[in-house]
Amino acid sequence: MGHIEWAYGLAKDLLEATLPRRWAHTQAVADQAETLSPILGADTDTLIAACLLHDIGYAPDLVDTGMHQLDGARYLRDVAGADERLCRLVAYHSCADNEAQQRDLFDALTAEFDRERPDLARALTYCDMTTGPDGRHLDVLDRLAEIHSRYGPEHVVSRSITDATPCIVSSVRAVEAALSDVRQASAG
């Protein structure tokens, strides 16, 4: 079984029954990853698997610190025996170091997980931050507004998203520019 199929099965087992809306989001994030094959090539499969796994830390049985990125990456490393690249992508997805700082978990995050290649990290952020909670494609600014409205201004997630906004928007715009460049090159 390939790592996409493995990741799909694991994420489905953890999210589908207990968090169906999160599961819808997860599947759409992975679908978004498929569109990045022109810029990622062989790394597209790794990105798709990471997209399928990026939110497993929300699964009720996995919640430990309350930081879903860290909880999910720990589960992948300690229980599921996942590839280190997948663990790193999940641990840092969507500029998670900002949330780690807000939760006093930055030292734990950086001690336990190295960062993944910037292009893959940006690609995962792009997929996550252009996909709404119900799976609809959204502009990054609409997605950020949706997160703020769902959590409220004082929640740690809203505060960390505010801090992460420049990183998130920059990541999304970089991926959009790379896709545009590839499309122009193939048209010309």
N, C-alpha and C. Protein backbone atom coordinates (compact mmCIF):
# COMPACT_ATOMS: atom_id res chain seq x y z
N MET A 1 0.85 -1.18 0.00
CA MET A 1 0.00 0.00 0.00
C MET A 1 0.90 1.24 0.00
N GLY A 2 0.59 2.20 -0.88
CA GLY A 2 1.34 3.44 -0.96
C GLY A 2 1.02 4.35 0.21
N HIS A 3 1.87 5.38 0.38
CA HIS A 3 1.65 6.23 1.55
C HIS A 3 0.41 7.11 1.42
N ILE A 4 -0.08 7.37 0.22
CA ILE A 4 -1.34 8.12 0.10
C ILE A 4 -2.50 7.26 0.61
N GLU A 5 -2.54 6.02 0.19
CA GLU A 5 -3.61 5.12 0.63
C GLU A 5 -3.55 4.92 2.14
N TRP A 6 -2.34 4.73 2.66
CA TRP A 6 -2.15 4.57 4.10
C TRP A 6 -2.64 5.81 4.85
N ALA A 7 -2.23 6.99 4.38
CA ALA A 7 -2.62 8.25 5.02
C ALA A 7 -4.13 8.44 4.95
N TYR A 8 -4.73 8.12 3.81
CA TYR A 8 -6.18 8.24 3.66
C TYR A 8 -6.89 7.36 4.68
N GLY A 9 -6.49 6.11 4.77
CA GLY A 9 -7.12 5.19 5.71
C GLY A 9 -6.98 5.63 7.15
N LEU A 10 -5.79 6.08 7.52
CA LEU A 10 -5.56 6.54 8.89
C LEU A 10 -6.40 7.77 9.20
N ALA A 11 -6.37 8.76 8.32
CA ALA A 11 -7.14 9.98 8.55
C ALA A 11 -8.64 9.69 8.59
N LYS A 12 -9.10 8.83 7.70
CA LYS A 12 -10.52 8.47 7.68
C LYS A 12 -10.92 7.80 8.99
N ASP A 13 -10.10 6.88 9.47
CA ASP A 13 -10.40 6.19 10.73
C ASP A 13 -10.46 7.16 11.91
N LEU A 14 -9.61 8.18 11.89
CA LEU A 14 -9.53 9.11 13.01
C LEU A 14 -10.55 10.24 12.95
N LEU A 15 -10.98 10.61 11.74
CA LEU A 15 -11.80 11.82 11.59
C LEU A 15 -13.23 11.61 11.11
N GLU A 16 -13.45 10.64 10.26
CA GLU A 16 -14.74 10.55 9.58
C GLU A 16 -15.93 10.48 10.54
N ALA A 17 -15.90 9.60 11.50
CA ALA A 17 -17.06 9.41 12.39
C ALA A 17 -17.17 10.50 13.45
N THR A 18 -16.03 10.90 14.03
CA THR A 18 -16.08 11.85 15.14
C THR A 18 -16.08 13.31 14.70
N LEU A 19 -15.46 13.60 13.57
CA LEU A 19 -15.34 14.98 13.09
C LEU A 19 -15.62 15.03 11.58
N PRO A 20 -16.87 14.78 11.16
CA PRO A 20 -17.16 14.69 9.73
C PRO A 20 -16.87 15.97 8.94
N ARG A 21 -17.07 17.11 9.55
CA ARG A 21 -16.76 18.36 8.84
C ARG A 21 -15.25 18.50 8.65
N ARG A 22 -14.48 18.13 9.65
CA ARG A 22 -13.01 18.16 9.55
C ARG A 22 -12.56 17.16 8.48
N TRP A 23 -13.23 16.03 8.39
CA TRP A 23 -12.90 15.03 7.38
C TRP A 23 -13.18 15.59 5.98
N ALA A 24 -14.28 16.31 5.81
CA ALA A 24 -14.58 16.94 4.51
C ALA A 24 -13.49 17.94 4.14
N HIS A 25 -13.08 18.75 5.11
CA HIS A 25 -12.00 19.70 4.89
C HIS A 25 -10.72 18.96 4.48
N THR A 26 -10.39 17.92 5.20
CA THR A 26 -9.16 17.17 4.96
C THR A 26 -9.13 16.60 3.54
N GLN A 27 -10.22 16.01 3.11
CA GLN A 27 -10.27 15.44 1.76
C GLN A 27 -10.11 16.52 0.70
N ALA A 28 -10.73 17.67 0.91
CA ALA A 28 -10.61 18.76 -0.06
C ALA A 28 -9.21 19.36 -0.07
N VAL A 29 -8.55 19.41 1.09
CA VAL A 29 -7.16 19.89 1.15
C VAL A 29 -6.27 18.95 0.33
N ALA A 30 -6.50 17.64 0.47
CA ALA A 30 -5.73 16.67 -0.32
C ALA A 30 -6.02 16.81 -1.81
N ASP A 31 -7.27 17.06 -2.16
CA ASP A 31 -7.61 17.29 -3.58
C ASP A 31 -6.87 18.52 -4.11
N GLN A 32 -6.79 19.54 -3.29
CA GLN A 32 -6.07 20.76 -3.68
C GLN A 32 -4.59 20.44 -3.95
N ALA A 33 -4.03 19.52 -3.15
CA ALA A 33 -2.62 19.16 -3.32
C ALA A 33 -2.36 18.55 -4.69
N GLU A 34 -3.32 17.80 -5.20
CA GLU A 34 -3.14 17.19 -6.52
C GLU A 34 -2.92 18.24 -7.60
N THR A 35 -3.48 19.43 -7.42
CA THR A 35 -3.34 20.48 -8.43
C THR A 35 -1.93 21.07 -8.46
N LEU A 36 -1.11 20.72 -7.48
CA LEU A 36 0.24 21.30 -7.40
C LEU A 36 1.31 20.42 -8.06
N SER A 37 0.90 19.33 -8.69
CA SER A 37 1.89 18.46 -9.33
C SER A 37 2.75 19.19 -10.37
N PRO A 38 2.23 20.19 -11.09
CA PRO A 38 3.11 20.88 -12.04
C PRO A 38 4.30 21.59 -11.39
N ILE A 39 4.18 21.96 -10.11
CA ILE A 39 5.31 22.63 -9.47
C ILE A 39 6.07 21.72 -8.50
N LEU A 40 5.44 20.63 -8.07
CA LEU A 40 6.10 19.75 -7.09
C LEU A 40 6.62 18.45 -7.69
N GLY A 41 6.10 18.04 -8.81
CA GLY A 41 6.57 16.81 -9.44
C GLY A 41 6.43 15.62 -8.51
N ALA A 42 7.53 14.90 -8.31
CA ALA A 42 7.54 13.66 -7.53
C ALA A 42 7.16 13.88 -6.07
N ASP A 43 7.30 15.08 -5.56
CA ASP A 43 6.94 15.36 -4.16
C ASP A 43 5.44 15.54 -3.95
N THR A 44 4.67 15.49 -5.02
CA THR A 44 3.22 15.67 -4.90
C THR A 44 2.61 14.58 -4.02
N ASP A 45 3.06 13.35 -4.15
CA ASP A 45 2.51 12.27 -3.32
C ASP A 45 2.76 12.51 -1.84
N THR A 46 3.93 13.00 -1.50
CA THR A 46 4.23 13.32 -0.10
C THR A 46 3.31 14.42 0.39
N LEU A 47 3.10 15.43 -0.44
CA LEU A 47 2.20 16.52 -0.06
C LEU A 47 0.77 16.02 0.13
N ILE A 48 0.29 15.18 -0.77
CA ILE A 48 -1.07 14.66 -0.64
C ILE A 48 -1.22 13.90 0.67
N ALA A 49 -0.25 13.05 0.98
CA ALA A 49 -0.30 12.29 2.24
C ALA A 49 -0.29 13.24 3.43
N ALA A 50 0.54 14.26 3.40
CA ALA A 50 0.60 15.23 4.51
C ALA A 50 -0.73 15.98 4.63
N CYS A 51 -1.33 16.31 3.51
CA CYS A 51 -2.63 16.99 3.54
C CYS A 51 -3.69 16.10 4.18
N LEU A 52 -3.66 14.83 3.87
CA LEU A 52 -4.62 13.90 4.47
C LEU A 52 -4.44 13.80 5.99
N LEU A 53 -3.21 13.97 6.45
CA LEU A 53 -2.89 13.78 7.86
C LEU A 53 -2.81 15.08 8.66
N HIS A 54 -2.87 16.22 7.99
CA HIS A 54 -2.54 17.48 8.66
C HIS A 54 -3.42 17.81 9.86
N ASP A 55 -4.65 17.37 9.89
CA ASP A 55 -5.56 17.73 10.98
C ASP A 55 -5.94 16.56 11.89
N ILE A 56 -5.21 15.46 11.83
CA ILE A 56 -5.57 14.33 12.68
C ILE A 56 -5.44 14.65 14.16
N GLY A 57 -4.64 15.65 14.50
CA GLY A 57 -4.47 16.05 15.89
C GLY A 57 -5.73 16.59 16.53
N TYR A 58 -6.76 16.85 15.73
CA TYR A 58 -8.06 17.25 16.27
C TYR A 58 -8.88 16.05 16.75
N ALA A 59 -8.50 14.84 16.33
CA ALA A 59 -9.25 13.64 16.72
C ALA A 59 -9.28 13.55 18.25
N PRO A 60 -10.45 13.36 18.83
CA PRO A 60 -10.57 13.39 20.29
C PRO A 60 -9.58 12.48 21.02
N ASP A 61 -9.29 11.33 20.47
CA ASP A 61 -8.37 10.40 21.14
C ASP A 61 -6.92 10.85 21.06
N LEU A 62 -6.61 11.80 20.21
CA LEU A 62 -5.23 12.25 20.04
C LEU A 62 -4.92 13.54 20.77
N VAL A 63 -5.94 14.27 21.20
CA VAL A 63 -5.72 15.57 21.83
C VAL A 63 -4.94 15.39 23.13
N ASP A 64 -3.80 16.08 23.20
CA ASP A 64 -2.96 16.05 24.40
C ASP A 64 -2.63 17.49 24.81
N THR A 65 -1.92 18.20 23.96
CA THR A 65 -1.52 19.57 24.27
C THR A 65 -2.58 20.59 23.91
N GLY A 66 -3.49 20.22 23.01
CA GLY A 66 -4.47 21.16 22.47
C GLY A 66 -3.99 21.84 21.21
N MET A 67 -2.73 21.63 20.87
CA MET A 67 -2.17 22.15 19.62
C MET A 67 -2.22 20.99 18.62
N HIS A 68 -3.18 21.04 17.70
CA HIS A 68 -3.44 19.88 16.84
C HIS A 68 -2.24 19.51 15.97
N GLN A 69 -1.44 20.49 15.59
CA GLN A 69 -0.28 20.20 14.76
C GLN A 69 0.71 19.30 15.52
N LEU A 70 1.00 19.67 16.75
CA LEU A 70 1.95 18.91 17.56
C LEU A 70 1.35 17.56 17.97
N ASP A 71 0.10 17.56 18.39
CA ASP A 71 -0.54 16.30 18.79
C ASP A 71 -0.58 15.32 17.61
N GLY A 72 -0.92 15.81 16.44
CA GLY A 72 -0.96 14.95 15.26
C GLY A 72 0.42 14.43 14.87
N ALA A 73 1.41 15.30 14.89
CA ALA A 73 2.77 14.88 14.53
C ALA A 73 3.32 13.86 15.54
N ARG A 74 3.04 14.06 16.81
CA ARG A 74 3.49 13.09 17.82
C ARG A 74 2.83 11.73 17.59
N TYR A 75 1.55 11.73 17.29
CA TYR A 75 0.86 10.47 17.02
C TYR A 75 1.48 9.78 15.81
N LEU A 76 1.72 10.54 14.77
CA LEU A 76 2.31 9.96 13.57
C LEU A 76 3.67 9.35 13.86
N ARG A 77 4.48 10.05 14.64
CA ARG A 77 5.82 9.56 14.98
C ARG A 77 5.78 8.39 15.95
N ASP A 78 5.03 8.55 17.03
CA ASP A 78 5.10 7.61 18.15
C ASP A 78 4.20 6.39 18.00
N VAL A 79 3.08 6.53 17.34
CA VAL A 79 2.11 5.44 17.25
C VAL A 79 2.04 4.87 15.84
N ALA A 80 1.93 5.73 14.85
CA ALA A 80 1.72 5.27 13.47
C ALA A 80 3.01 4.92 12.74
N GLY A 81 4.16 5.35 13.27
CA GLY A 81 5.43 5.05 12.62
C GLY A 81 5.57 5.70 11.26
N ALA A 82 5.06 6.90 11.13
CA ALA A 82 5.06 7.61 9.84
C ALA A 82 6.45 8.08 9.46
N ASP A 83 6.60 8.33 8.18
CA ASP A 83 7.81 8.90 7.61
C ASP A 83 8.09 10.25 8.29
N GLU A 84 9.36 10.54 8.54
CA GLU A 84 9.75 11.79 9.21
C GLU A 84 9.27 13.02 8.46
N ARG A 85 9.28 12.98 7.14
CA ARG A 85 8.83 14.14 6.36
C ARG A 85 7.38 14.45 6.65
N LEU A 86 6.55 13.41 6.73
CA LEU A 86 5.13 13.62 7.04
C LEU A 86 4.98 14.21 8.44
N CYS A 87 5.73 13.71 9.39
CA CYS A 87 5.67 14.24 10.76
C CYS A 87 6.05 15.71 10.78
N ARG A 88 7.12 16.06 10.07
CA ARG A 88 7.57 17.46 10.05
C ARG A 88 6.53 18.36 9.40
N LEU A 89 5.96 17.92 8.28
CA LEU A 89 4.96 18.74 7.60
C LEU A 89 3.73 18.95 8.48
N VAL A 90 3.27 17.91 9.14
CA VAL A 90 2.11 18.04 10.02
C VAL A 90 2.45 18.94 11.21
N ALA A 91 3.62 18.77 11.78
CA ALA A 91 4.00 19.54 12.97
C ALA A 91 4.03 21.04 12.71
N TYR A 92 4.44 21.44 11.53
CA TYR A 92 4.62 22.87 11.25
C TYR A 92 3.59 23.44 10.28
N HIS A 93 2.55 22.66 9.93
CA HIS A 93 1.68 23.14 8.86
C HIS A 93 0.98 24.45 9.21
N SER A 94 0.84 25.24 8.17
CA SER A 94 0.16 26.54 8.25
C SER A 94 0.76 27.46 9.32
N CYS A 95 2.10 27.50 9.32
CA CYS A 95 2.86 28.41 10.19
C CYS A 95 2.58 28.13 11.67
N ALA A 96 2.57 26.86 12.03
CA ALA A 96 2.21 26.41 13.38
C ALA A 96 3.14 26.91 14.47
N ASP A 97 4.33 27.32 14.12
CA ASP A 97 5.24 27.83 15.15
C ASP A 97 4.65 29.04 15.87
N ASN A 98 3.79 29.79 15.20
CA ASN A 98 3.11 30.92 15.85
C ASN A 98 2.17 30.43 16.95
N GLU A 99 1.41 29.37 16.66
CA GLU A 99 0.53 28.82 17.69
C GLU A 99 1.34 28.19 18.81
N ALA A 100 2.44 27.56 18.47
CA ALA A 100 3.30 26.96 19.50
C ALA A 100 3.80 28.04 20.47
N GLN A 101 4.14 29.20 19.95
CA GLN A 101 4.57 30.29 20.83
C GLN A 101 3.42 30.75 21.72
N GLN A 102 2.23 30.87 21.16
CA GLN A 102 1.06 31.30 21.94
C GLN A 102 0.73 30.31 23.05
N ARG A 103 1.03 29.04 22.82
CA ARG A 103 0.68 27.99 23.79
C ARG A 103 1.86 27.58 24.67
N ASP A 104 2.97 28.27 24.58
CA ASP A 104 4.19 27.90 25.31
C ASP A 104 4.67 26.50 24.95
N LEU A 105 4.54 26.15 23.69
CA LEU A 105 4.97 24.84 23.21
C LEU A 105 6.06 24.94 22.14
N PHE A 106 6.59 26.14 21.93
CA PHE A 106 7.58 26.35 20.88
C PHE A 106 8.83 25.50 21.12
N ASP A 107 9.31 25.47 22.36
CA ASP A 107 10.51 24.68 22.65
C ASP A 107 10.27 23.19 22.41
N ALA A 108 9.10 22.70 22.78
CA ALA A 108 8.77 21.30 22.54
C ALA A 108 8.70 21.01 21.05
N LEU A 109 8.02 21.88 20.31
CA LEU A 109 7.89 21.70 18.86
C LEU A 109 9.26 21.64 18.19
N THR A 110 10.10 22.63 18.48
CA THR A 110 11.39 22.70 17.80
C THR A 110 12.37 21.64 18.28
N ALA A 111 12.23 21.18 19.52
CA ALA A 111 13.11 20.10 20.01
C ALA A 111 12.73 18.75 19.40
N GLU A 112 11.44 18.56 19.16
CA GLU A 112 10.97 17.26 18.69
C GLU A 112 10.95 17.11 17.18
N PHE A 113 10.76 18.22 16.46
CA PHE A 113 10.60 18.13 15.01
C PHE A 113 11.42 19.20 14.31
N ASP A 114 12.15 18.76 13.29
CA ASP A 114 12.83 19.71 12.41
C ASP A 114 11.82 20.24 11.41
N ARG A 115 12.19 21.31 10.76
CA ARG A 115 11.33 21.86 9.71
C ARG A 115 11.54 21.08 8.42
N GLU A 116 10.51 21.07 7.60
CA GLU A 116 10.58 20.43 6.29
C GLU A 116 11.00 21.48 5.26
N ARG A 117 11.33 21.03 4.07
CA ARG A 117 11.72 21.95 3.00
C ARG A 117 10.68 23.05 2.84
N PRO A 118 11.14 24.29 2.68
CA PRO A 118 10.19 25.42 2.60
C PRO A 118 9.16 25.30 1.48
N ASP A 119 9.52 24.77 0.32
CA ASP A 119 8.55 24.68 -0.77
C ASP A 119 7.40 23.73 -0.42
N LEU A 120 7.69 22.63 0.26
CA LEU A 120 6.63 21.72 0.66
C LEU A 120 5.79 22.31 1.79
N ALA A 121 6.44 22.99 2.72
CA ALA A 121 5.70 23.63 3.81
C ALA A 121 4.76 24.70 3.25
N ARG A 122 5.24 25.50 2.31
CA ARG A 122 4.38 26.51 1.68
C ARG A 122 3.22 25.85 0.93
N ALA A 123 3.50 24.74 0.26
CA ALA A 123 2.46 24.05 -0.50
C ALA A 123 1.36 23.53 0.43
N LEU A 124 1.73 22.97 1.57
CA LEU A 124 0.73 22.50 2.53
C LEU A 124 -0.07 23.67 3.09
N THR A 125 0.59 24.76 3.40
CA THR A 125 -0.11 25.95 3.86
C THR A 125 -1.09 26.44 2.81
N TYR A 126 -0.66 26.46 1.56
CA TYR A 126 -1.54 26.86 0.46
C TYR A 126 -2.80 25.99 0.42
N CYS A 127 -2.60 24.68 0.46
CA CYS A 127 -3.75 23.76 0.38
C CYS A 127 -4.70 23.94 1.55
N ASP A 128 -4.16 24.06 2.75
CA ASP A 128 -4.98 24.21 3.95
C ASP A 128 -5.67 25.57 4.00
N MET A 129 -4.95 26.60 3.66
CA MET A 129 -5.47 27.96 3.83
C MET A 129 -6.22 28.49 2.62
N THR A 130 -6.51 27.62 1.66
CA THR A 130 -7.41 27.99 0.57
C THR A 130 -8.59 27.02 0.51
N THR A 131 -8.78 26.27 1.61
CA THR A 131 -9.87 25.30 1.70
C THR A 131 -10.64 25.54 2.98
N GLY A 132 -11.93 25.81 2.85
CA GLY A 132 -12.77 26.07 4.01
C GLY A 132 -13.07 24.81 4.81
N PRO A 133 -13.71 24.98 5.95
CA PRO A 133 -13.98 23.84 6.83
C PRO A 133 -14.94 22.82 6.22
N ASP A 134 -15.72 23.24 5.23
CA ASP A 134 -16.65 22.32 4.58
C ASP A 134 -16.11 21.80 3.25
N GLY A 135 -14.87 22.16 2.93
CA GLY A 135 -14.23 21.68 1.71
C GLY A 135 -14.28 22.63 0.53
N ARG A 136 -14.96 23.76 0.69
CA ARG A 136 -15.04 24.73 -0.43
C ARG A 136 -13.71 25.44 -0.60
N HIS A 137 -13.37 25.75 -1.86
CA HIS A 137 -12.17 26.54 -2.14
C HIS A 137 -12.44 27.99 -1.74
N LEU A 138 -11.51 28.60 -1.03
CA LEU A 138 -11.63 29.99 -0.59
C LEU A 138 -10.35 30.75 -0.90
N ASP A 139 -10.46 32.03 -1.08
CA ASP A 139 -9.28 32.89 -1.10
C ASP A 139 -8.68 32.88 0.30
N VAL A 140 -7.38 33.00 0.40
CA VAL A 140 -6.70 32.95 1.69
C VAL A 140 -7.25 33.97 2.68
N LEU A 141 -7.58 35.17 2.22
CA LEU A 141 -8.09 36.19 3.15
C LEU A 141 -9.47 35.82 3.67
N ASP A 142 -10.28 35.20 2.82
CA ASP A 142 -11.59 34.72 3.27
C ASP A 142 -11.43 33.57 4.26
N ARG A 143 -10.46 32.71 4.02
CA ARG A 143 -10.21 31.60 4.93
C ARG A 143 -9.75 32.11 6.29
N LEU A 144 -8.87 33.08 6.31
CA LEU A 144 -8.41 33.66 7.58
C LEU A 144 -9.58 34.31 8.33
N ALA A 145 -10.44 35.02 7.61
CA ALA A 145 -11.61 35.63 8.24
C ALA A 145 -12.54 34.57 8.80
N GLU A 146 -12.69 33.47 8.09
CA GLU A 146 -13.54 32.36 8.56
C GLU A 146 -12.99 31.78 9.86
N ILE A 147 -11.69 31.61 9.94
CA ILE A 147 -11.07 31.06 11.17
C ILE A 147 -11.32 32.01 12.33
N HIS A 148 -11.11 33.30 12.10
CA HIS A 148 -11.36 34.29 13.16
C HIS A 148 -12.81 34.27 13.61
N SER A 149 -13.74 34.17 12.67
CA SER A 149 -15.15 34.19 13.05
C SER A 149 -15.54 32.92 13.80
N ARG A 150 -14.91 31.81 13.48
CA ARG A 150 -15.24 30.55 14.15
C ARG A 150 -14.71 30.51 15.58
N TYR A 151 -13.53 31.06 15.80
CA TYR A 151 -12.91 30.97 17.12
C TYR A 151 -13.15 32.19 18.00
N GLY A 152 -13.36 33.34 17.41
CA GLY A 152 -13.50 34.57 18.19
C GLY A 152 -12.15 35.20 18.46
N PRO A 153 -12.14 36.51 18.74
CA PRO A 153 -10.88 37.26 18.77
C PRO A 153 -9.93 36.90 19.91
N GLU A 154 -10.43 36.39 21.01
CA GLU A 154 -9.55 36.13 22.16
C GLU A 154 -9.01 34.70 22.21
N HIS A 155 -9.49 33.84 21.34
CA HIS A 155 -9.04 32.44 21.36
C HIS A 155 -7.59 32.35 20.90
N VAL A 156 -6.85 31.39 21.45
CA VAL A 156 -5.45 31.22 21.10
C VAL A 156 -5.26 30.97 19.60
N VAL A 157 -6.19 30.29 18.97
CA VAL A 157 -6.07 30.04 17.53
C VAL A 157 -6.19 31.36 16.77
N SER A 158 -7.13 32.21 17.14
CA SER A 158 -7.26 33.51 16.47
C SER A 158 -6.01 34.36 16.68
N ARG A 159 -5.51 34.37 17.89
CA ARG A 159 -4.29 35.16 18.16
C ARG A 159 -3.11 34.64 17.35
N SER A 160 -2.98 33.32 17.28
CA SER A 160 -1.85 32.77 16.53
C SER A 160 -2.02 32.98 15.03
N ILE A 161 -3.26 32.90 14.54
CA ILE A 161 -3.51 33.16 13.12
C ILE A 161 -3.21 34.62 12.79
N THR A 162 -3.53 35.52 13.70
CA THR A 162 -3.17 36.93 13.48
C THR A 162 -1.67 37.07 13.34
N ASP A 163 -0.92 36.45 14.24
CA ASP A 163 0.55 36.51 14.17
C ASP A 163 1.08 35.84 12.90
N ALA A 164 0.41 34.77 12.47
CA ALA A 164 0.87 33.99 11.32
C ALA A 164 0.40 34.54 9.98
N THR A 165 -0.48 35.52 9.98
CA THR A 165 -1.06 36.00 8.72
C THR A 165 0.00 36.36 7.67
N PRO A 166 1.05 37.11 8.00
CA PRO A 166 2.05 37.40 6.95
C PRO A 166 2.68 36.14 6.37
N CYS A 167 2.99 35.17 7.21
CA CYS A 167 3.57 33.90 6.76
C CYS A 167 2.59 33.14 5.89
N ILE A 168 1.34 33.07 6.32
CA ILE A 168 0.32 32.32 5.58
C ILE A 168 0.06 32.96 4.22
N VAL A 169 -0.16 34.26 4.20
CA VAL A 169 -0.45 34.95 2.94
C VAL A 169 0.75 34.86 1.99
N SER A 170 1.94 35.03 2.52
CA SER A 170 3.15 34.92 1.70
C SER A 170 3.29 33.52 1.10
N SER A 171 3.01 32.50 1.89
CA SER A 171 3.08 31.12 1.40
C SER A 171 2.08 30.88 0.27
N VAL A 172 0.85 31.32 0.49
CA VAL A 172 -0.19 31.13 -0.52
C VAL A 172 0.16 31.88 -1.79
N ARG A 173 0.58 33.12 -1.66
CA ARG A 173 0.90 33.92 -2.85
C ARG A 173 2.10 33.34 -3.60
N ALA A 174 3.08 32.79 -2.88
CA ALA A 174 4.25 32.17 -3.53
C ALA A 174 3.83 30.95 -4.36
N VAL A 175 2.94 30.14 -3.82
CA VAL A 175 2.47 28.96 -4.56
C VAL A 175 1.63 29.40 -5.76
N GLU A 176 0.77 30.39 -5.56
CA GLU A 176 -0.03 30.90 -6.68
C GLU A 176 0.88 31.43 -7.80
N ALA A 177 1.96 32.13 -7.43
CA ALA A 177 2.89 32.67 -8.44
C ALA A 177 3.61 31.53 -9.16
N ALA A 178 4.02 30.50 -8.42
CA ALA A 178 4.70 29.37 -9.05
C ALA A 178 3.76 28.64 -10.02
N LEU A 179 2.51 28.48 -9.64
CA LEU A 179 1.52 27.86 -10.55
C LEU A 179 1.32 28.72 -11.79
N SER A 180 1.23 30.02 -11.61
CA SER A 180 1.05 30.94 -12.73
C SER A 180 2.25 30.87 -13.68
N ASP A 181 3.46 30.81 -13.11
CA ASP A 181 4.66 30.72 -13.94
C ASP A 181 4.67 29.45 -14.78
N VAL A 182 4.28 28.33 -14.16
CA VAL A 182 4.24 27.05 -14.88
C VAL A 182 3.20 27.11 -15.99
N ARG A 183 2.04 27.67 -15.70
CA ARG A 183 0.99 27.77 -16.72
C ARG A 183 1.44 28.65 -17.88
N GLN A 184 2.10 29.77 -17.58
CA GLN A 184 2.57 30.66 -18.64
C GLN A 184 3.65 29.98 -19.48
N ALA A 185 4.53 29.25 -18.82
CA ALA A 185 5.59 28.57 -19.54
C ALA A 185 5.04 27.49 -20.48
N SER A 186 4.01 26.79 -20.02
CA SER A 186 3.44 25.73 -20.86
C SER A 186 2.56 26.32 -21.97
N ALA A 187 2.05 27.52 -21.77
CA ALA A 187 1.23 28.17 -22.81
C ALA A 187 2.11 28.85 -23.86
N GLY A 188 3.33 29.16 -23.47
CA GLY A 188 4.18 29.94 -24.37
C GLY A 188 5.12 29.18 -25.16
